[in-house]
Amino acid sequence: MEVSILETLGFDLTFTTSLRMLERYIMLAECDARIMAMSKYILELSLVEVRLNKWNQSLIASAAIFVSKKIILVQEGRPWSNFMSQQT
């Protein structure tokens, strides 16, 4: 059964990466270029840290956005909206 499904799909399977989740969350959060660049930088730093492998990729991506907003938008208060809380 599984073999026929894989053959139908052409063995074209993939898994969700933290970068894809980051792109999705950046689009939802309507982030500007500075937050996007900082989030990608934080995400790249997380790739070399082996201890972060136990966390879901979506959690790492949302944490990168949260930290970026917390650093860049210091004066605005809450870096995570209710909408983003529901989406992540």
C-alpha atoms as a PDB file:
ATOM      1  CA  MET A   1       0.000   0.000   0.000  1.00  0.00           C
ATOM      2  CA  GLU A   2       2.668   2.521   1.010  1.00  0.00           C
ATOM      3  CA  VAL A   3       4.805   1.576  -1.980  1.00  0.00           C
ATOM      4  CA  SER A   4       2.011   2.378  -4.430  1.00  0.00           C
ATOM      5  CA  ILE A   5       1.444   5.763  -2.797  1.00  0.00           C
ATOM      6  CA  LEU A   6       5.142   6.583  -2.961  1.00  0.00           C
ATOM      7  CA  GLU A   7       5.343   5.504  -6.589  1.00  0.00           C
ATOM      8  CA  THR A   8       2.344   7.683  -7.405  1.00  0.00           C
ATOM      9  CA  LEU A   9       4.055  10.634  -5.736  1.00  0.00           C
ATOM     10  CA  GLY A  10       7.275   9.839  -7.580  1.00  0.00           C
ATOM     11  CA  PHE A  11       9.090   9.432  -4.241  1.00  0.00           C
ATOM     12  CA  ASP A  12       8.980  13.232  -3.979  1.00  0.00           C
ATOM     13  CA  LEU A  13       8.729  13.561  -0.207  1.00  0.00           C
ATOM     14  CA  THR A  14      10.042  16.327   1.950  1.00  0.00           C
ATOM     15  CA  PHE A  15       9.734  17.579   5.501  1.00  0.00           C
ATOM     16  CA  THR A  16       9.007  21.001   6.880  1.00  0.00           C
ATOM     17  CA  THR A  17      12.081  23.067   7.613  1.00  0.00           C
ATOM     18  CA  SER A  18      12.338  25.975   9.991  1.00  0.00           C
ATOM     19  CA  LEU A  19      12.999  28.319   7.044  1.00  0.00           C
ATOM     20  CA  ARG A  20       9.679  27.403   5.386  1.00  0.00           C
ATOM     21  CA  MET A  21       7.858  27.908   8.674  1.00  0.00           C
ATOM     22  CA  LEU A  22       9.676  31.233   9.136  1.00  0.00           C
ATOM     23  CA  GLU A  23       8.550  32.406   5.687  1.00  0.00           C
ATOM     24  CA  ARG A  24       4.962  31.472   6.509  1.00  0.00           C
ATOM     25  CA  TYR A  25       4.983  33.222   9.877  1.00  0.00           C
ATOM     26  CA  ILE A  26       6.667  36.343   8.462  1.00  0.00           C
ATOM     27  CA  MET A  27       3.909  36.584   5.893  1.00  0.00           C
ATOM     28  CA  LEU A  28       1.231  36.176   8.569  1.00  0.00           C
ATOM     29  CA  ALA A  29       2.849  38.659  10.950  1.00  0.00           C
ATOM     30  CA  GLU A  30       3.401  41.204   8.154  1.00  0.00           C
ATOM     31  CA  CYS A  31       7.012  41.787   9.201  1.00  0.00           C
ATOM     32  CA  ASP A  32       9.240  44.353   7.566  1.00  0.00           C
ATOM     33  CA  ALA A  33      12.613  43.627   5.982  1.00  0.00           C
ATOM     34  CA  ARG A  34      14.602  44.328   9.162  1.00  0.00           C
ATOM     35  CA  ILE A  35      12.648  41.803  11.218  1.00  0.00           C
ATOM     36  CA  MET A  36      12.828  39.268   8.396  1.00  0.00           C
ATOM     37  CA  ALA A  37      16.614  39.626   8.109  1.00  0.00           C
ATOM     38  CA  MET A  38      17.128  39.416  11.863  1.00  0.00           C
ATOM     39  CA  SER A  39      14.852  36.378  12.094  1.00  0.00           C
ATOM     40  CA  LYS A  40      16.758  34.578   9.358  1.00  0.00           C
ATOM     41  CA  TYR A  41      20.036  35.389  11.111  1.00  0.00           C
ATOM     42  CA  ILE A  42      18.761  33.983  14.407  1.00  0.00           C
ATOM     43  CA  LEU A  43      17.453  30.939  12.580  1.00  0.00           C
ATOM     44  CA  GLU A  44      20.863  30.367  10.969  1.00  0.00           C
ATOM     45  CA  LEU A  45      22.500  30.584  14.388  1.00  0.00           C
ATOM     46  CA  SER A  46      20.113  27.930  15.660  1.00  0.00           C
ATOM     47  CA  LEU A  47      21.189  25.491  12.940  1.00  0.00           C
ATOM     48  CA  VAL A  48      24.598  24.927  14.501  1.00  0.00           C
ATOM     49  CA  GLU A  49      23.200  24.403  17.992  1.00  0.00           C
ATOM     50  CA  VAL A  50      22.590  20.666  18.316  1.00  0.00           C
ATOM     51  CA  ARG A  51      20.566  21.029  21.517  1.00  0.00           C
ATOM     52  CA  LEU A  52      17.788  22.746  19.549  1.00  0.00           C
ATOM     53  CA  ASN A  53      17.102  19.605  17.503  1.00  0.00           C
ATOM     54  CA  LYS A  54      14.609  18.413  20.107  1.00  0.00           C
ATOM     55  CA  TRP A  55      12.238  21.317  19.379  1.00  0.00           C
ATOM     56  CA  ASN A  56       9.743  21.478  16.509  1.00  0.00           C
ATOM     57  CA  GLN A  57      10.878  23.515  13.514  1.00  0.00           C
ATOM     58  CA  SER A  58       7.756  25.675  13.754  1.00  0.00           C
ATOM     59  CA  LEU A  59       8.601  26.570  17.356  1.00  0.00           C
ATOM     60  CA  ILE A  60      12.151  27.552  16.419  1.00  0.00           C
ATOM     61  CA  ALA A  61      10.860  29.717  13.570  1.00  0.00           C
ATOM     62  CA  SER A  62       8.284  31.481  15.726  1.00  0.00           C
ATOM     63  CA  ALA A  63      10.881  32.007  18.464  1.00  0.00           C
ATOM     64  CA  ALA A  64      13.223  33.628  15.929  1.00  0.00           C
ATOM     65  CA  ILE A  65      10.498  36.099  14.931  1.00  0.00           C
ATOM     66  CA  PHE A  66       9.585  36.760  18.554  1.00  0.00           C
ATOM     67  CA  VAL A  67      13.184  37.517  19.550  1.00  0.00           C
ATOM     68  CA  SER A  68      13.685  39.695  16.459  1.00  0.00           C
ATOM     69  CA  LYS A  69      10.583  41.732  17.224  1.00  0.00           C
ATOM     70  CA  LYS A  70      11.580  41.977  20.876  1.00  0.00           C
ATOM     71  CA  ILE A  71      15.011  43.362  19.896  1.00  0.00           C
ATOM     72  CA  ILE A  72      13.966  45.681  17.061  1.00  0.00           C
ATOM     73  CA  LEU A  73      10.604  46.874  18.342  1.00  0.00           C
ATOM     74  CA  VAL A  74      11.632  47.523  21.943  1.00  0.00           C
ATOM     75  CA  GLN A  75       9.302  50.483  22.455  1.00  0.00           C
ATOM     76  CA  GLU A  76       6.104  48.931  21.053  1.00  0.00           C
ATOM     77  CA  GLY A  77       5.316  46.576  23.920  1.00  0.00           C
ATOM     78  CA  ARG A  78       3.929  43.166  22.933  1.00  0.00           C
ATOM     79  CA  PRO A  79       5.926  41.618  20.077  1.00  0.00           C
ATOM     80  CA  TRP A  80       3.353  38.838  19.541  1.00  0.00           C
ATOM     81  CA  SER A  81      -0.252  39.650  18.637  1.00  0.00           C
ATOM     82  CA  ASN A  82      -3.303  37.596  19.560  1.00  0.00           C
ATOM     83  CA  PHE A  83      -3.635  36.632  15.895  1.00  0.00           C
ATOM     84  CA  MET A  84      -0.110  35.224  15.844  1.00  0.00           C
ATOM     85  CA  SER A  85      -0.778  33.360  19.075  1.00  0.00           C
ATOM     86  CA  GLN A  86      -3.671  31.606  17.362  1.00  0.00           C
ATOM     87  CA  GLN A  87      -1.687  30.862  14.187  1.00  0.00           C
ATOM     88  CA  THR A  88       1.369  29.443  15.909  1.00  0.00           C
END
